[in-house]
Protein backbone atom coordinates (compact mmCIF):
# COMPACT_ATOMS: atom_id res chain seq x y z
CA MET A 1 -35.84 19.24 -71.08
CA ASN A 2 -33.37 17.53 -73.40
CA LEU A 3 -31.24 19.13 -76.09
CA ILE A 4 -30.93 16.90 -79.16
CA ILE A 5 -27.82 17.56 -81.25
CA GLN A 6 -27.48 16.04 -84.72
CA GLY A 7 -24.92 16.34 -87.48
CA LEU A 8 -22.97 14.41 -90.07
CA GLU A 9 -19.82 14.87 -88.00
CA ILE A 10 -20.10 15.76 -84.31
CA GLU A 11 -16.94 16.57 -82.37
CA ASN A 12 -16.71 15.72 -78.67
CA ARG A 13 -15.58 19.27 -77.94
CA ASP A 14 -18.79 20.59 -79.52
CA LEU A 15 -20.91 18.33 -77.33
CA ARG A 16 -19.03 19.41 -74.21
CA GLU A 17 -19.34 23.08 -75.08
CA LEU A 18 -23.06 22.77 -75.88
CA ALA A 19 -23.68 20.88 -72.65
CA LYS A 20 -21.97 23.72 -70.81
CA LEU A 21 -23.94 26.40 -72.64
CA ALA A 22 -27.26 24.65 -71.96
CA GLY A 23 -26.45 23.56 -68.43
CA ALA A 24 -26.97 19.87 -69.32
CA ASN A 25 -25.70 17.32 -66.81
CA ASP A 26 -25.28 14.26 -69.06
CA ILE A 27 -24.50 13.42 -72.70
CA GLU A 28 -26.17 10.32 -74.13
CA ARG A 29 -25.39 8.83 -77.55
CA ILE A 30 -28.48 8.07 -79.65
CA THR A 31 -26.68 7.22 -82.92
CA GLY A 32 -23.36 8.13 -84.46
CA GLN A 33 -24.99 11.32 -85.73
CA ALA A 34 -27.25 12.16 -82.79
CA PHE A 35 -26.75 12.88 -79.09
CA ARG A 36 -29.09 13.73 -76.24
CA LEU A 37 -27.92 16.34 -73.74
CA LYS A 38 -30.03 15.72 -70.65
CA ASN A 39 -31.65 18.23 -68.31
CA ALA A 40 -30.78 21.15 -70.57
CA ASN A 41 -32.08 24.71 -70.46
CA ARG A 42 -32.96 26.89 -73.42
CA ARG A 43 -30.13 29.30 -74.11
CA ASP A 44 -29.81 31.81 -76.95
CA GLN A 45 -26.18 30.82 -77.46
CA VAL A 46 -27.13 27.27 -78.53
CA PRO A 47 -28.66 28.15 -81.94
CA GLU A 48 -25.72 30.45 -82.69
CA TYR A 49 -23.15 27.80 -81.77
CA CYS A 50 -24.92 25.11 -83.80
CA ALA A 51 -25.19 27.37 -86.85
CA ASP A 52 -21.43 27.95 -86.76
CA ALA A 53 -20.69 24.25 -86.20
CA GLY A 54 -23.08 22.95 -88.85
CA LEU A 55 -25.26 21.07 -86.38
CA ASP A 56 -29.01 20.59 -85.95
CA PHE A 57 -30.46 21.21 -82.50
CA ALA A 58 -33.82 20.74 -80.82
CA PHE A 59 -34.98 21.43 -77.28
CA VAL A 60 -37.42 18.60 -76.58
CA GLU A 61 -39.50 17.83 -73.51
CA GLN A 62 -38.22 14.72 -71.73
CA THR A 63 -41.69 13.18 -71.82
CA ALA A 64 -41.90 13.27 -75.66
CA ARG A 65 -42.43 9.77 -77.10
CA LEU A 66 -42.80 8.70 -80.71
CA GLY A 67 -45.69 6.46 -79.71
CA ASP A 68 -47.66 9.52 -78.58
CA PHE A 69 -48.31 10.41 -82.22
CA GLY A 70 -50.87 8.92 -84.59
CA LEU A 71 -50.18 10.65 -87.91
CA VAL A 72 -47.25 12.09 -89.82
CA ALA A 73 -48.03 14.35 -92.80
CA MET A 74 -45.27 15.16 -95.28
CA ASP A 75 -44.87 17.51 -98.18
CA MET A 76 -43.54 15.68 -101.25
CA ASP A 77 -41.19 17.85 -103.32
CA SER A 78 -37.91 18.76 -101.58
CA THR A 79 -39.18 17.05 -98.43
CA LEU A 80 -40.09 13.40 -98.91
CA LEU A 81 -38.42 13.60 -102.32
CA ALA A 82 -35.04 15.18 -102.98
CA ILE A 83 -36.35 16.86 -106.16
CA GLU A 84 -38.97 19.36 -107.28
CA SER A 85 -41.00 17.16 -109.62
CA ILE A 86 -42.54 20.03 -111.59
CA ASP A 87 -39.06 21.43 -112.27
CA GLU A 88 -37.97 18.04 -113.60
CA ILE A 89 -41.05 17.81 -115.82
CA ALA A 90 -40.23 21.29 -117.10
CA ASP A 91 -36.71 20.13 -117.91
CA MET A 92 -38.21 17.55 -120.27
CA HIS A 93 -39.98 20.42 -122.04
CA GLY A 94 -37.03 22.84 -122.14
CA VAL A 95 -38.60 25.34 -119.74
CA LYS A 96 -36.92 24.43 -116.43
CA PRO A 97 -35.32 27.86 -115.77
CA GLN A 98 -38.67 29.64 -116.10
CA VAL A 99 -40.51 27.10 -113.94
CA SER A 100 -37.73 26.90 -111.32
CA GLU A 101 -37.77 30.66 -110.87
CA ILE A 102 -41.50 30.61 -110.12
CA THR A 103 -41.03 27.60 -107.81
CA GLN A 104 -38.39 29.39 -105.74
CA ARG A 105 -40.48 32.57 -105.47
CA THR A 106 -43.41 30.44 -104.32
CA MET A 107 -41.45 28.55 -101.68
CA ARG A 108 -40.18 31.85 -100.28
CA GLY A 109 -43.74 33.09 -100.01
CA GLU A 110 -43.38 35.81 -102.65
CA ILE A 111 -46.23 34.56 -104.86
CA VAL A 112 -49.55 32.88 -104.01
CA PHE A 113 -49.25 29.13 -104.58
CA ALA A 114 -52.41 28.58 -106.65
CA GLU A 115 -51.45 31.30 -109.11
CA SER A 116 -47.87 30.06 -109.32
CA LEU A 117 -49.03 26.52 -110.04
CA ARG A 118 -51.25 27.77 -112.85
CA GLN A 119 -48.34 29.73 -114.32
CA ARG A 120 -45.93 26.79 -114.10
CA THR A 121 -48.43 24.26 -115.42
CA ALA A 122 -49.25 26.50 -118.38
CA LEU A 123 -45.59 26.32 -119.39
CA LEU A 124 -45.93 22.51 -119.68
CA ARG A 125 -48.58 22.67 -122.41
CA ASP A 126 -48.13 20.15 -125.26
CA LEU A 127 -45.58 18.02 -123.38
CA ASP A 128 -46.08 14.30 -124.07
CA GLU A 129 -47.75 12.52 -121.15
CA ASP A 130 -45.00 9.86 -121.36
CA ALA A 131 -42.54 12.43 -120.03
CA LEU A 132 -44.13 12.10 -116.59
CA GLN A 133 -43.17 8.44 -116.40
CA ARG A 134 -39.65 9.28 -117.55
CA VAL A 135 -39.33 11.79 -114.73
CA TYR A 136 -40.53 9.21 -112.24
CA ASP A 137 -38.21 6.49 -113.55
CA GLU A 138 -35.12 8.64 -114.12
CA ARG A 139 -35.29 11.59 -111.73
CA VAL A 140 -37.27 10.73 -108.59
CA ARG A 141 -35.06 10.23 -105.52
CA LEU A 142 -36.15 9.88 -101.93
CA SER A 143 -34.63 12.26 -99.40
CA PRO A 144 -31.93 10.71 -97.19
CA GLY A 145 -33.38 8.73 -94.31
CA ALA A 146 -36.94 8.78 -95.68
CA GLU A 147 -37.47 5.01 -95.76
CA LYS A 148 -35.88 4.51 -92.34
CA MET A 149 -38.12 7.19 -90.84
CA LEU A 150 -41.26 5.73 -92.37
CA LEU A 151 -40.48 2.15 -91.29
CA ARG A 152 -40.04 3.29 -87.71
CA MET A 153 -43.18 5.41 -87.83
CA LYS A 154 -45.21 2.47 -89.07
CA SER A 155 -43.77 0.13 -86.44
CA ALA A 156 -44.91 2.67 -83.84
CA GLY A 157 -48.44 2.53 -85.26
CA ILE A 158 -48.32 5.98 -86.83
CA ARG A 159 -50.32 6.57 -90.02
CA THR A 160 -48.41 8.15 -92.90
CA MET A 161 -49.56 10.70 -95.46
CA VAL A 162 -48.07 12.74 -98.30
CA ILE A 163 -49.81 16.03 -99.12
CA SER A 164 -48.45 17.81 -102.18
CA GLY A 165 -49.04 20.92 -104.19
CA GLY A 166 -47.58 18.82 -107.00
CA PHE A 167 -49.32 16.15 -108.98
CA THR A 168 -51.18 12.91 -108.31
CA PHE A 169 -49.12 11.17 -111.00
CA PHE A 170 -46.24 11.20 -108.52
CA THR A 171 -48.04 11.02 -105.16
CA ASP A 172 -49.99 7.94 -106.29
CA ARG A 173 -46.77 6.14 -107.19
CA ILE A 174 -44.91 7.28 -104.08
CA LYS A 175 -47.85 6.20 -101.91
CA ALA A 176 -47.73 2.72 -103.43
CA LYS A 177 -43.92 2.47 -103.36
CA LEU A 178 -43.64 3.48 -99.68
CA ASN A 179 -46.92 1.90 -98.56
CA LEU A 180 -48.26 5.20 -97.26
CA ASP A 181 -51.77 5.37 -95.81
CA TYR A 182 -52.94 8.59 -97.48
CA SER A 183 -52.02 10.91 -100.33
CA ALA A 184 -53.40 14.10 -101.83
CA ALA A 185 -52.23 16.30 -104.72
CA ASN A 186 -53.34 18.10 -107.87
CA THR A 187 -54.37 16.40 -111.13
CA LEU A 188 -52.88 17.37 -114.47
CA GLU A 189 -55.28 17.59 -117.42
CA VAL A 190 -54.26 15.39 -120.35
CA ALA A 191 -55.78 15.33 -123.84
CA ASP A 192 -54.67 13.20 -126.78
CA GLY A 193 -51.59 12.04 -124.87
CA LYS A 194 -50.35 15.56 -124.14
CA LEU A 195 -50.55 17.93 -121.18
CA THR A 196 -53.02 20.75 -121.76
CA GLY A 197 -51.25 23.14 -119.40
CA LYS A 198 -54.17 23.05 -116.95
CA VAL A 199 -54.93 21.54 -113.55
CA LEU A 200 -58.23 19.75 -113.02
CA GLY A 201 -60.47 20.83 -110.16
CA GLU A 202 -59.64 23.03 -107.19
CA ILE A 203 -55.92 23.49 -106.61
CA ILE A 204 -54.45 22.04 -103.43
CA GLY A 205 -52.26 24.86 -102.15
CA ALA A 206 -51.53 26.15 -98.66
CA HIS A 207 -55.15 26.13 -97.47
CA GLY A 208 -55.88 22.87 -99.27
CA LYS A 209 -53.00 21.10 -97.57
CA ALA A 210 -54.25 22.24 -94.18
CA GLU A 211 -57.80 21.11 -94.96
CA VAL A 212 -56.63 17.66 -96.08
CA LEU A 213 -54.63 17.24 -92.89
CA LYS A 214 -57.54 18.32 -90.69
CA LYS A 215 -59.91 15.96 -92.51
CA VAL A 216 -57.67 12.91 -92.03
CA ARG A 217 -56.84 13.93 -88.47
CA ASP A 218 -60.52 14.11 -87.61
CA GLU A 219 -61.29 10.81 -89.36
CA LEU A 220 -58.65 9.13 -87.22
CA GLY A 221 -60.01 10.77 -84.07
CA LEU A 222 -56.66 12.39 -83.30
CA LYS A 223 -55.93 15.58 -81.43
CA ARG A 224 -53.72 18.28 -82.94
CA GLU A 225 -50.86 17.37 -80.58
CA GLN A 226 -50.84 13.81 -81.95
CA VAL A 227 -49.79 14.96 -85.43
CA ILE A 228 -46.35 15.62 -86.93
CA ALA A 229 -46.12 17.70 -90.12
CA ILE A 230 -42.96 18.05 -92.20
CA GLY A 231 -42.41 20.61 -94.95
CA ASP A 232 -39.97 22.98 -96.60
CA GLY A 233 -41.89 25.78 -98.35
CA ALA A 234 -44.19 28.65 -97.48
CA ASN A 235 -47.18 26.72 -98.82
CA ASP A 236 -46.59 24.13 -96.06
CA LEU A 237 -47.03 26.60 -93.20
CA LYS A 238 -50.80 26.28 -92.78
CA MET A 239 -50.52 22.48 -92.87
CA MET A 240 -47.80 22.67 -90.24
CA GLU A 241 -50.00 24.88 -88.06
CA GLU A 242 -52.50 22.02 -87.86
CA ALA A 243 -49.90 19.73 -86.24
CA GLY A 244 -48.69 19.55 -82.67
CA VAL A 245 -45.12 19.21 -83.91
CA SER A 246 -43.96 20.86 -87.14
CA ILE A 247 -40.58 20.14 -88.68
CA ALA A 248 -38.86 22.34 -91.25
CA TYR A 249 -36.75 20.01 -93.38
CA ARG A 250 -33.97 21.83 -95.26
CA ALA A 251 -36.54 24.57 -95.49
CA LYS A 252 -36.83 28.19 -96.52
CA PRO A 253 -36.12 30.72 -93.70
CA ILE A 254 -39.80 31.63 -93.24
CA VAL A 255 -40.62 27.97 -92.57
CA GLN A 256 -37.73 27.45 -90.15
CA GLU A 257 -38.81 30.53 -88.21
CA ASN A 258 -42.32 29.14 -87.71
CA ALA A 259 -41.62 25.43 -87.18
CA THR A 260 -41.24 23.61 -83.88
CA TYR A 261 -37.92 22.12 -85.02
CA ALA A 262 -35.63 22.51 -88.03
CA ILE A 263 -33.46 19.84 -89.66
CA ASN A 264 -30.83 21.16 -92.07
CA HIS A 265 -27.89 18.77 -91.90
CA VAL A 266 -29.06 15.20 -91.27
CA GLY A 267 -31.69 13.17 -93.15
CA LEU A 268 -35.37 12.67 -92.44
CA ASP A 269 -34.51 9.85 -90.04
CA GLY A 270 -33.31 12.66 -87.78
CA VAL A 271 -36.98 13.16 -86.89
CA LEU A 272 -36.86 9.85 -85.00
CA ASN A 273 -34.05 11.02 -82.73
CA LEU A 274 -36.20 13.82 -81.32
CA PHE A 275 -38.36 11.32 -79.45
CA ASP A 276 -37.73 8.32 -77.21
């Protein structure tokens, strides 16, 4: 087993101490922000040390290869994107504090996603539809390392998908911008150029995300272990359960506790360093 250590600044003394703690017999540089400690053993002291040092860690089987996977599924808000799009829409309508509070409660798992989305969307009633484009043009930012990760995934033949509890207005544009293979999200109802405060059709929440992933996985003829899922909130957990490898990206504690790996300090391209 290998121990992958990642961080914005990694000191040699930290690598030596971690190698000692894990019983690793070699330290290999992957990038300036990632190192592979070879032939390591799982030790409880490693997570504690990395938490104190501000480092990401992952115990990974030596046989793990990026080319073994066929699909990567990503949440959009606060995962693929460095924003919560619904919060930014709310800001255009002067209700961001109210919407943000519900968003945070939802991501922590304190409120059922479908109900929270209805509550937040209702607060957007009568907002001009044009505000959505303004949010996209002025506020949307990709998470660090997102494009690098996706380029490498595609070169390895891995299909890419964004599954969001947010809105198709954004997933459609992100899918086109990043040349993703699949996207799924909720559709805002619009009438006379204004948001009605309602969502059309069945809401894609925790169960919906999982169902979308399973559907695409089956269409591609992939096994569960050939899928990577990346998310940050409680509504991503069921989607992540349908993947062989789940990655909590700058995620809420409940997600980190249930994911295969957690990335808190480096960008999304840190996913690449977990595999040869």
